[in-house]
PDB file of N, CA and C in Angstrom:
ATOM      1  N   MET A   1      23.164 -20.075  69.915  1.00  0.00           N
ATOM      2  CA  MET A   1      23.283 -21.140  68.923  1.00  0.00           C
ATOM      3  C   MET A   1      23.807 -22.388  69.634  1.00  0.00           C
ATOM      4  N   CYS A   2      23.177 -23.526  69.388  1.00  0.00           N
ATOM      5  CA  CYS A   2      23.622 -24.759  70.023  1.00  0.00           C
ATOM      6  C   CYS A   2      24.868 -25.297  69.324  1.00  0.00           C
ATOM      7  N   ILE A   3      25.584 -26.161  70.005  1.00  0.00           N
ATOM      8  CA  ILE A   3      26.840 -26.696  69.471  1.00  0.00           C
ATOM      9  C   ILE A   3      26.606 -27.489  68.190  1.00  0.00           C
ATOM     10  N   PHE A   4      25.492 -28.208  68.107  1.00  0.00           N
ATOM     11  CA  PHE A   4      25.188 -28.987  66.900  1.00  0.00           C
ATOM     12  C   PHE A   4      25.050 -28.078  65.687  1.00  0.00           C
ATOM     13  N   ALA A   5      24.337 -26.959  65.854  1.00  0.00           N
ATOM     14  CA  ALA A   5      24.147 -26.022  64.744  1.00  0.00           C
ATOM     15  C   ALA A   5      25.475 -25.420  64.319  1.00  0.00           C
ATOM     16  N   LEU A   6      26.337 -25.131  65.272  1.00  0.00           N
ATOM     17  CA  LEU A   6      27.647 -24.567  64.958  1.00  0.00           C
ATOM     18  C   LEU A   6      28.518 -25.574  64.205  1.00  0.00           C
ATOM     19  N   VAL A   7      28.478 -26.830  64.627  1.00  0.00           N
ATOM     20  CA  VAL A   7      29.245 -27.883  63.945  1.00  0.00           C
ATOM     21  C   VAL A   7      28.738 -28.056  62.520  1.00  0.00           C
ATOM     22  N   MET A   8      27.426 -28.079  62.341  1.00  0.00           N
ATOM     23  CA  MET A   8      26.868 -28.244  61.004  1.00  0.00           C
ATOM     24  C   MET A   8      27.203 -27.037  60.127  1.00  0.00           C
ATOM     25  N   GLU A   9      27.120 -25.838  60.681  1.00  0.00           N
ATOM     26  CA  GLU A   9      27.463 -24.635  59.923  1.00  0.00           C
ATOM     27  C   GLU A   9      28.912 -24.718  59.438  1.00  0.00           C
ATOM     28  N   ASN A  10      29.811 -25.110  60.334  1.00  0.00           N
ATOM     29  CA  ASN A  10      31.223 -25.234  59.958  1.00  0.00           C
ATOM     30  C   ASN A  10      31.429 -26.313  58.909  1.00  0.00           C
ATOM     31  N   ARG A  11      30.715 -27.425  59.033  1.00  0.00           N
ATOM     32  CA  ARG A  11      30.864 -28.514  58.070  1.00  0.00           C
ATOM     33  C   ARG A  11      30.350 -28.094  56.690  1.00  0.00           C
ATOM     34  N   ILE A  12      29.250 -27.362  56.624  1.00  0.00           N
ATOM     35  CA  ILE A  12      28.731 -26.884  55.338  1.00  0.00           C
ATOM     36  C   ILE A  12      29.771 -25.979  54.683  1.00  0.00           C
ATOM     37  N   LYS A  13      30.374 -25.101  55.471  1.00  0.00           N
ATOM     38  CA  LYS A  13      31.416 -24.217  54.941  1.00  0.00           C
ATOM     39  C   LYS A  13      32.612 -25.026  54.438  1.00  0.00           C
ATOM     40  N   GLU A  14      32.974 -26.097  55.152  1.00  0.00           N
ATOM     41  CA  GLU A  14      34.072 -26.967  54.710  1.00  0.00           C
ATOM     42  C   GLU A  14      33.757 -27.607  53.362  1.00  0.00           C
ATOM     43  N   VAL A  15      32.530 -28.095  53.202  1.00  0.00           N
ATOM     44  CA  VAL A  15      32.138 -28.748  51.950  1.00  0.00           C
ATOM     45  C   VAL A  15      32.185 -27.743  50.802  1.00  0.00           C
ATOM     46  N   ILE A  16      31.711 -26.531  51.056  1.00  0.00           N
ATOM     47  CA  ILE A  16      31.767 -25.493  50.029  1.00  0.00           C
ATOM     48  C   ILE A  16      33.216 -25.269  49.603  1.00  0.00           C
ATOM     49  N   LYS A  17      34.105 -25.181  50.573  1.00  0.00           N
ATOM     50  CA  LYS A  17      35.527 -24.967  50.284  1.00  0.00           C
ATOM     51  C   LYS A  17      36.131 -26.181  49.571  1.00  0.00           C
ATOM     52  N   GLU A  18      35.768 -27.398  50.013  1.00  0.00           N
ATOM     53  CA  GLU A  18      36.268 -28.621  49.381  1.00  0.00           C
ATOM     54  C   GLU A  18      35.879 -28.679  47.903  1.00  0.00           C
ATOM     55  N   LYS A  19      34.735 -28.114  47.570  1.00  0.00           N
ATOM     56  CA  LYS A  19      34.258 -28.104  46.183  1.00  0.00           C
ATOM     57  C   LYS A  19      34.878 -26.975  45.367  1.00  0.00           C
ATOM     58  N   GLY A  20      35.756 -26.188  46.006  1.00  0.00           N
ATOM     59  CA  GLY A  20      36.506 -25.164  45.284  1.00  0.00           C
ATOM     60  C   GLY A  20      35.843 -23.804  45.190  1.00  0.00           C
ATOM     61  N   TYR A  21      34.810 -23.584  45.995  1.00  0.00           N
ATOM     62  CA  TYR A  21      34.114 -22.299  45.981  1.00  0.00           C
ATOM     63  C   TYR A  21      34.528 -21.435  47.163  1.00  0.00           C
ATOM     64  N   THR A  22      34.493 -20.118  46.958  1.00  0.00           N
ATOM     65  CA  THR A  22      34.478 -19.197  48.082  1.00  0.00           C
ATOM     66  C   THR A  22      33.006 -19.033  48.439  1.00  0.00           C
ATOM     67  N   MET A  23      32.737 -18.455  49.587  1.00  0.00           N
ATOM     68  CA  MET A  23      31.344 -18.238  49.968  1.00  0.00           C
ATOM     69  C   MET A  23      30.657 -17.309  48.954  1.00  0.00           C
ATOM     70  N   LYS A  24      31.375 -16.307  48.482  1.00  0.00           N
ATOM     71  CA  LYS A  24      30.801 -15.368  47.511  1.00  0.00           C
ATOM     72  C   LYS A  24      30.476 -16.092  46.207  1.00  0.00           C
ATOM     73  N   GLU A  25      31.402 -16.929  45.728  1.00  0.00           N
ATOM     74  CA  GLU A  25      31.170 -17.656  44.474  1.00  0.00           C
ATOM     75  C   GLU A  25      29.988 -18.613  44.599  1.00  0.00           C
ATOM     76  N   PHE A  26      29.910 -19.313  45.729  1.00  0.00           N
ATOM     77  CA  PHE A  26      28.806 -20.260  45.903  1.00  0.00           C
ATOM     78  C   PHE A  26      27.479 -19.527  46.020  1.00  0.00           C
ATOM     79  N   ALA A  27      27.476 -18.382  46.682  1.00  0.00           N
ATOM     80  CA  ALA A  27      26.251 -17.580  46.763  1.00  0.00           C
ATOM     81  C   ALA A  27      25.797 -17.176  45.365  1.00  0.00           C
ATOM     82  N   GLU A  28      26.751 -16.829  44.501  1.00  0.00           N
ATOM     83  CA  GLU A  28      26.403 -16.458  43.124  1.00  0.00           C
ATOM     84  C   GLU A  28      25.812 -17.645  42.369  1.00  0.00           C
ATOM     85  N   VAL A  29      26.348 -18.837  42.612  1.00  0.00           N
ATOM     86  CA  VAL A  29      25.790 -20.049  41.986  1.00  0.00           C
ATOM     87  C   VAL A  29      24.317 -20.214  42.382  1.00  0.00           C
ATOM     88  N   LEU A  30      24.033 -19.930  43.651  1.00  0.00           N
ATOM     89  CA  LEU A  30      22.665 -20.068  44.149  1.00  0.00           C
ATOM     90  C   LEU A  30      21.777 -18.884  43.780  1.00  0.00           C
ATOM     91  N   GLY A  31      22.389 -17.797  43.308  1.00  0.00           N
ATOM     92  CA  GLY A  31      21.607 -16.618  42.949  1.00  0.00           C
ATOM     93  C   GLY A  31      21.191 -15.784  44.149  1.00  0.00           C
ATOM     94  N   ILE A  32      21.999 -15.826  45.218  1.00  0.00           N
ATOM     95  CA  ILE A  32      21.704 -15.052  46.424  1.00  0.00           C
ATOM     96  C   ILE A  32      22.954 -14.271  46.830  1.00  0.00           C
ATOM     97  N   THR A  33      22.797 -13.406  47.805  1.00  0.00           N
ATOM     98  CA  THR A  33      23.947 -12.650  48.298  1.00  0.00           C
ATOM     99  C   THR A  33      24.756 -13.503  49.274  1.00  0.00           C
ATOM    100  N   ARG A  34      26.004 -13.113  49.479  1.00  0.00           N
ATOM    101  CA  ARG A  34      26.858 -13.819  50.436  1.00  0.00           C
ATOM    102  C   ARG A  34      26.268 -13.727  51.841  1.00  0.00           C
ATOM    103  N   GLU A  35      25.704 -12.574  52.167  1.00  0.00           N
ATOM    104  CA  GLU A  35      25.098 -12.387  53.487  1.00  0.00           C
ATOM    105  C   GLU A  35      23.903 -13.323  53.668  1.00  0.00           C
ATOM    106  N   ASN A  36      23.100 -13.479  52.615  1.00  0.00           N
ATOM    107  CA  ASN A  36      21.954 -14.382  52.686  1.00  0.00           C
ATOM    108  C   ASN A  36      22.427 -15.825  52.832  1.00  0.00           C
ATOM    109  N   LEU A  37      23.504 -16.187  52.131  1.00  0.00           N
ATOM    110  CA  LEU A  37      24.057 -17.538  52.260  1.00  0.00           C
ATOM    111  C   LEU A  37      24.493 -17.795  53.696  1.00  0.00           C
ATOM    112  N   HIS A  38      25.200 -16.843  54.292  1.00  0.00           N
ATOM    113  CA  HIS A  38      25.614 -17.005  55.691  1.00  0.00           C
ATOM    114  C   HIS A  38      24.400 -17.199  56.595  1.00  0.00           C
ATOM    115  N   SER A  39      23.357 -16.443  56.329  1.00  0.00           N
ATOM    116  CA  SER A  39      22.146 -16.529  57.140  1.00  0.00           C
ATOM    117  C   SER A  39      21.483 -17.905  57.046  1.00  0.00           C
ATOM    118  N   ILE A  40      21.349 -18.437  55.827  1.00  0.00           N
ATOM    119  CA  ILE A  40      20.670 -19.731  55.697  1.00  0.00           C
ATOM    120  C   ILE A  40      21.540 -20.884  56.185  1.00  0.00           C
ATOM    121  N   ILE A  41      22.853 -20.721  56.128  1.00  0.00           N
ATOM    122  CA  ILE A  41      23.741 -21.774  56.640  1.00  0.00           C
ATOM    123  C   ILE A  41      23.701 -21.829  58.163  1.00  0.00           C
ATOM    124  N   ARG A  42      23.445 -20.708  58.799  1.00  0.00           N
ATOM    125  CA  ARG A  42      23.404 -20.674  60.269  1.00  0.00           C
ATOM    126  C   ARG A  42      22.231 -21.461  60.823  1.00  0.00           C
ATOM    127  N   ASN A  43      21.133 -21.517  60.084  1.00  0.00           N
ATOM    128  CA  ASN A  43      19.937 -22.209  60.571  1.00  0.00           C
ATOM    129  C   ASN A  43      19.174 -22.799  59.387  1.00  0.00           C
ATOM    130  N   PRO A  44      19.746 -23.812  58.723  1.00  0.00           N
ATOM    131  CA  PRO A  44      19.113 -24.334  57.507  1.00  0.00           C
ATOM    132  C   PRO A  44      17.919 -25.240  57.795  1.00  0.00           C
ATOM    133  N   SER A  45      16.926 -25.122  56.940  1.00  0.00           N
ATOM    134  CA  SER A  45      15.783 -26.033  57.007  1.00  0.00           C
ATOM    135  C   SER A  45      16.127 -27.279  56.184  1.00  0.00           C
ATOM    136  N   SER A  46      15.289 -28.277  56.266  1.00  0.00           N
ATOM    137  CA  SER A  46      15.485 -29.496  55.477  1.00  0.00           C
ATOM    138  C   SER A  46      15.509 -29.209  53.977  1.00  0.00           C
ATOM    139  N   PRO A  47      14.554 -28.437  53.467  1.00  0.00           N
ATOM    140  CA  PRO A  47      14.600 -28.124  52.036  1.00  0.00           C
ATOM    141  C   PRO A  47      15.862 -27.343  51.641  1.00  0.00           C
ATOM    142  N   THR A  48      16.331 -26.475  52.525  1.00  0.00           N
ATOM    143  CA  THR A  48      17.556 -25.723  52.251  1.00  0.00           C
ATOM    144  C   THR A  48      18.755 -26.650  52.186  1.00  0.00           C
ATOM    145  N   LEU A  49      18.828 -27.608  53.104  1.00  0.00           N
ATOM    146  CA  LEU A  49      19.926 -28.580  53.074  1.00  0.00           C
ATOM    147  C   LEU A  49      19.920 -29.354  51.759  1.00  0.00           C
ATOM    148  N   GLU A  50      18.728 -29.717  51.283  1.00  0.00           N
ATOM    149  CA  GLU A  50      18.608 -30.420  50.000  1.00  0.00           C
ATOM    150  C   GLU A  50      19.126 -29.556  48.852  1.00  0.00           C
ATOM    151  N   LYS A  51      18.732 -28.284  48.847  1.00  0.00           N
ATOM    152  CA  LYS A  51      19.177 -27.373  47.784  1.00  0.00           C
ATOM    153  C   LYS A  51      20.689 -27.202  47.802  1.00  0.00           C
ATOM    154  N   LEU A  52      21.247 -27.040  49.006  1.00  0.00           N
ATOM    155  CA  LEU A  52      22.697 -26.889  49.133  1.00  0.00           C
ATOM    156  C   LEU A  52      23.411 -28.154  48.659  1.00  0.00           C
ATOM    157  N   SER A  53      22.911 -29.302  49.072  1.00  0.00           N
ATOM    158  CA  SER A  53      23.568 -30.559  48.702  1.00  0.00           C
ATOM    159  C   SER A  53      23.487 -30.791  47.196  1.00  0.00           C
ATOM    160  N   ASN A  54      22.349 -30.478  46.597  1.00  0.00           N
ATOM    161  CA  ASN A  54      22.212 -30.621  45.141  1.00  0.00           C
ATOM    162  C   ASN A  54      23.163 -29.691  44.400  1.00  0.00           C
ATOM    163  N   ALA A  55      23.265 -28.454  44.858  1.00  0.00           N
ATOM    164  CA  ALA A  55      24.140 -27.486  44.198  1.00  0.00           C
ATOM    165  C   ALA A  55      25.613 -27.878  44.322  1.00  0.00           C
ATOM    166  N   LEU A  56      25.962 -28.547  45.433  1.00  0.00           N
ATOM    167  CA  LEU A  56      27.346 -28.961  45.651  1.00  0.00           C
ATOM    168  C   LEU A  56      27.629 -30.365  45.125  1.00  0.00           C
ATOM    169  N   GLY A  57      26.588 -31.112  44.798  1.00  0.00           N
ATOM    170  CA  GLY A  57      26.772 -32.470  44.293  1.00  0.00           C
ATOM    171  C   GLY A  57      27.219 -33.452  45.356  1.00  0.00           C
ATOM    172  N   VAL A  58      26.711 -33.272  46.574  1.00  0.00           N
ATOM    173  CA  VAL A  58      27.050 -34.173  47.683  1.00  0.00           C
ATOM    174  C   VAL A  58      25.768 -34.624  48.369  1.00  0.00           C
ATOM    175  N   PRO A  59      25.798 -35.779  49.030  1.00  0.00           N
ATOM    176  CA  PRO A  59      24.623 -36.182  49.811  1.00  0.00           C
ATOM    177  C   PRO A  59      24.493 -35.310  51.059  1.00  0.00           C
ATOM    178  N   VAL A  60      23.284 -35.128  51.533  1.00  0.00           N
ATOM    179  CA  VAL A  60      23.023 -34.284  52.705  1.00  0.00           C
ATOM    180  C   VAL A  60      23.823 -34.742  53.921  1.00  0.00           C
ATOM    181  N   TRP A  61      24.046 -36.057  54.071  1.00  0.00           N
ATOM    182  CA  TRP A  61      24.744 -36.531  55.276  1.00  0.00           C
ATOM    183  C   TRP A  61      26.135 -35.947  55.400  1.00  0.00           C
ATOM    184  N   GLN A  62      26.725 -35.497  54.292  1.00  0.00           N
ATOM    185  CA  GLN A  62      28.068 -34.921  54.387  1.00  0.00           C
ATOM    186  C   GLN A  62      28.086 -33.590  55.129  1.00  0.00           C
ATOM    187  N   PHE A  63      26.933 -32.981  55.342  1.00  0.00           N
ATOM    188  CA  PHE A  63      26.872 -31.768  56.150  1.00  0.00           C
ATOM    189  C   PHE A  63      26.932 -32.084  57.646  1.00  0.00           C
ATOM    190  N   PHE A  64      26.809 -33.354  57.979  1.00  0.00           N
ATOM    191  CA  PHE A  64      26.821 -33.760  59.377  1.00  0.00           C
ATOM    192  C   PHE A  64      28.101 -34.492  59.769  1.00  0.00           C
ATOM    193  N   ALA A  65      28.795 -35.059  58.786  1.00  0.00           N
ATOM    194  CA  ALA A  65      30.043 -35.787  59.045  1.00  0.00           C
ATOM    195  C   ALA A  65      30.837 -35.852  57.757  1.00  0.00           C
ATOM    196  N   SER A  66      32.137 -35.747  57.891  1.00  0.00           N
ATOM    197  CA  SER A  66      32.968 -35.869  56.693  1.00  0.00           C
ATOM    198  C   SER A  66      33.094 -37.338  56.318  1.00  0.00           C
ATOM    199  N   PRO A  67      33.401 -37.650  55.068  1.00  0.00           N
ATOM    200  CA  PRO A  67      33.542 -39.052  54.656  1.00  0.00           C
ATOM    201  C   PRO A  67      34.572 -39.814  55.485  1.00  0.00           C
ATOM    202  N   ASP A  68      35.614 -39.123  55.959  1.00  0.00           N
ATOM    203  CA  ASP A  68      36.634 -39.782  56.775  1.00  0.00           C
ATOM    204  C   ASP A  68      36.102 -40.237  58.129  1.00  0.00           C
ATOM    205  N   GLU A  69      35.046 -39.574  58.610  1.00  0.00           N
ATOM    206  CA  GLU A  69      34.491 -39.905  59.914  1.00  0.00           C
ATOM    207  C   GLU A  69      33.539 -41.100  59.860  1.00  0.00           C
ATOM    208  N   VAL A  70      32.988 -41.394  58.693  1.00  0.00           N
ATOM    209  CA  VAL A  70      32.007 -42.463  58.567  1.00  0.00           C
ATOM    210  C   VAL A  70      32.721 -43.725  58.090  1.00  0.00           C
ATOM    211  N   LYS A  71      32.957 -44.640  58.997  1.00  0.00           N
ATOM    212  CA  LYS A  71      33.648 -45.883  58.663  1.00  0.00           C
ATOM    213  C   LYS A  71      32.680 -47.062  58.588  1.00  0.00           C
ATOM    214  N   SER A  72      31.642 -47.026  59.419  1.00  0.00           N
ATOM    215  CA  SER A  72      30.659 -48.099  59.395  1.00  0.00           C
ATOM    216  C   SER A  72      29.357 -47.605  60.009  1.00  0.00           C
ATOM    217  N   ILE A  73      28.305 -48.318  59.677  1.00  0.00           N
ATOM    218  CA  ILE A  73      27.007 -48.086  60.288  1.00  0.00           C
ATOM    219  C   ILE A  73      26.499 -49.424  60.798  1.00  0.00           C
ATOM    220  N   VAL A  74      25.471 -49.395  61.604  1.00  0.00           N
ATOM    221  CA  VAL A  74      24.907 -50.626  62.151  1.00  0.00           C
ATOM    222  C   VAL A  74      23.599 -50.930  61.441  1.00  0.00           C
ATOM    223  N   CYS A  75      23.461 -52.163  60.987  1.00  0.00           N
ATOM    224  CA  CYS A  75      22.232 -52.585  60.328  1.00  0.00           C
ATOM    225  C   CYS A  75      21.079 -52.512  61.326  1.00  0.00           C
ATOM    226  N   PRO A  76      19.997 -51.812  60.974  1.00  0.00           N
ATOM    227  CA  PRO A  76      18.879 -51.707  61.908  1.00  0.00           C
ATOM    228  C   PRO A  76      18.106 -53.012  62.082  1.00  0.00           C
ATOM    229  N   HIS A  77      18.328 -53.962  61.185  1.00  0.00           N
ATOM    230  CA  HIS A  77      17.588 -55.227  61.260  1.00  0.00           C
ATOM    231  C   HIS A  77      18.321 -56.283  62.079  1.00  0.00           C
ATOM    232  N   CYS A  78      19.616 -56.473  61.808  1.00  0.00           N
ATOM    233  CA  CYS A  78      20.338 -57.547  62.500  1.00  0.00           C
ATOM    234  C   CYS A  78      21.349 -57.036  63.522  1.00  0.00           C
ATOM    235  N   GLY A  79      21.648 -55.734  63.484  1.00  0.00           N
ATOM    236  CA  GLY A  79      22.584 -55.169  64.450  1.00  0.00           C
ATOM    237  C   GLY A  79      24.054 -55.343  64.104  1.00  0.00           C
ATOM    238  N   LYS A  80      24.352 -55.951  62.960  1.00  0.00           N
ATOM    239  CA  LYS A  80      25.749 -56.150  62.563  1.00  0.00           C
ATOM    240  C   LYS A  80      26.290 -54.871  61.913  1.00  0.00           C
ATOM    241  N   PRO A  81      27.600 -54.632  62.086  1.00  0.00           N
ATOM    242  CA  PRO A  81      28.173 -53.444  61.449  1.00  0.00           C
ATOM    243  C   PRO A  81      28.281 -53.625  59.937  1.00  0.00           C
ATOM    244  N   ILE A  82      28.065 -52.546  59.231  1.00  0.00           N
ATOM    245  CA  ILE A  82      28.226 -52.511  57.787  1.00  0.00           C
ATOM    246  C   ILE A  82      29.374 -51.534  57.536  1.00  0.00           C
ATOM    247  N   HIS A  83      30.485 -52.040  57.036  1.00  0.00           N
ATOM    248  CA  HIS A  83      31.662 -51.212  56.810  1.00  0.00           C
ATOM    249  C   HIS A  83      31.535 -50.497  55.469  1.00  0.00           C
ATOM    250  N   LEU A  84      31.880 -49.214  55.489  1.00  0.00           N
ATOM    251  CA  LEU A  84      31.705 -48.370  54.320  1.00  0.00           C
ATOM    252  C   LEU A  84      33.049 -47.930  53.750  1.00  0.00           C
ATOM    253  N   LYS A  85      33.091 -47.835  52.453  1.00  0.00           N
ATOM    254  CA  LYS A  85      34.218 -47.220  51.776  1.00  0.00           C
ATOM    255  C   LYS A  85      33.651 -46.041  51.009  1.00  0.00           C
ATOM    256  N   VAL A  86      34.089 -44.847  51.363  1.00  0.00           N
ATOM    257  CA  VAL A  86      33.565 -43.647  50.739  1.00  0.00           C
ATOM    258  C   VAL A  86      34.625 -43.055  49.838  1.00  0.00           C
ATOM    259  N   ASP A  87      34.317 -42.957  48.543  1.00  0.00           N
ATOM    260  CA  ASP A  87      35.224 -42.332  47.596  1.00  0.00           C
ATOM    261  C   ASP A  87      34.982 -40.838  47.597  1.00  0.00           C
ATOM    262  N   LYS A  88      36.063 -40.098  47.524  1.00  0.00           N
ATOM    263  CA  LYS A  88      35.943 -38.638  47.470  1.00  0.00           C
ATOM    264  C   LYS A  88      35.933 -38.176  46.058  1.00  0.00           C
TER     265      LYS A  88
END
């Protein structure tokens, strides 16, 4: 498993916990087993990430970085920084 996949797997688990679910409870919300949830989190496809984000009520980008880590982005047109305020 590459380091990126491991970081994303850990971040997805963090988001699940932040939303107040155990892995077992969240698996039940999705209608799957806890083992199946672990399996899809280890190597999620794009559609799976969408399903997880919808079920948790978060944007997909939160599986890649926590809101505290995202302070600004760079405008692709002019190159100026765009400062972000993310409410939790």
